[in-house]
Amino acid sequence: MESGNKLMELIQKKVAALTIVNTVNSKQSLWKAEFNTRFAYMDLEDKIRMMGTRMDKKKSTMTKKEKVPKQTKTVNAKLPASYDARDSVCKDVISQIQDQSVCGSCWAVAAASAMSDRICVKSGGKVKVDISALDLMSCDRDSYGCNGGWPETAWEFYSENGLVSGGNYTEQSGCKPYPFPPAVHPAKGKSYNTPKCLKTCQKTYTDTYNKDKHYGKPYHQDEVEDEEDIRREIYKNGPVEAAFTVYEDFVYYKEGVYQHTHGRRLGGHAVRIIGWGEEKGTKYWLVANSWNTYWGDQGLFKIIRGTDDCGFESMITFGEPDLEH
């Protein structure tokens, strides 16, 4: 009887997912939705828990003395119509797609990835390191690990406390690699709790925790007033972190330029913007997600640019690496 109820539950979830996919594809032609098992069979509670980015503005923990004044905007050469930050000496770093698993750590995973990108960009490709999302999500006391957090506290933590290295779960490289396996079969899996903040490296790593630290310069958030400002920042200094509202249709994205079409709100999510362009007359952002390469377009997605759809252009966060610390 129990197995019969479980089968019926899975059938109902599949029908619900296919209904969303078919509705999206019948309503518009900008993008294509496709059924995927990762989200179709995941419990609603776990989907919501994965959207761990807090969308309210958190008051900064830094004093006015510590903060760096807003920088004067400089107008440089005209920006290209399309740009992909992977087309550089940092391609191997920026091309990495993470998997946050069933944990609301997107705020930390996106931040750590963008920090890694920007270290490489600032060093001209000489310094390539994977910043540890685990170190950030478990030790930043101003956020809640797998239960969510604020992107800006991630960048503040980076500048004040530093972060060690750590690759993904599969590679197990660096001081503190990501602890959770990819969520390939979420119906058979589980959601994870925040690990303890351990200030030690894995046994196979040669450096000590304190010696492995990488820092950002004193944190400040330049106000990006429009999408051109965002593009200019990416073009000059590397990918940035963006937070936006996720709706049910987004989790079934496959290709094209996403624009919210159907479904209820699931929560806030953080990602990396790595470029921009135009497709069939529609301007878009090129974005790296943290749901593995089998989601979307090999882990990437495009979202409409210049309209602040889902609040995508309203919460942009970034910082500057301190390569001399």
Foldseek 3Di string as FASTA:
>chain_A
DVVVVVVVLLVVLQVVLVVLQVQVVVPDDQFHFADDQLPSLADLVLLLLLQFADPDDDDDPDDPVLADDADDDDDDDDDDQKDFLLPALCVVLLVDAAALASFNLQLLQQQQSQVQFLVCVVVRNPDGFRWASLLQLAPQPQFARSRHDHNQSSQQCQAPPFTFGEDEPVVRDTFHHRDDDASRRNNPPDHDHRDHNDQAGPPVDDDGSVVRGWHFHRDDFHDQPFVVSQQVCCVRRNKWKWKFWDFPRVQRTAAGADADDDGDTSHMGMWIFRMWHDDPRFTWTKTAGNNALVTHPGRIYIYTGGPCGRVGPPDIDDTHTDPPD
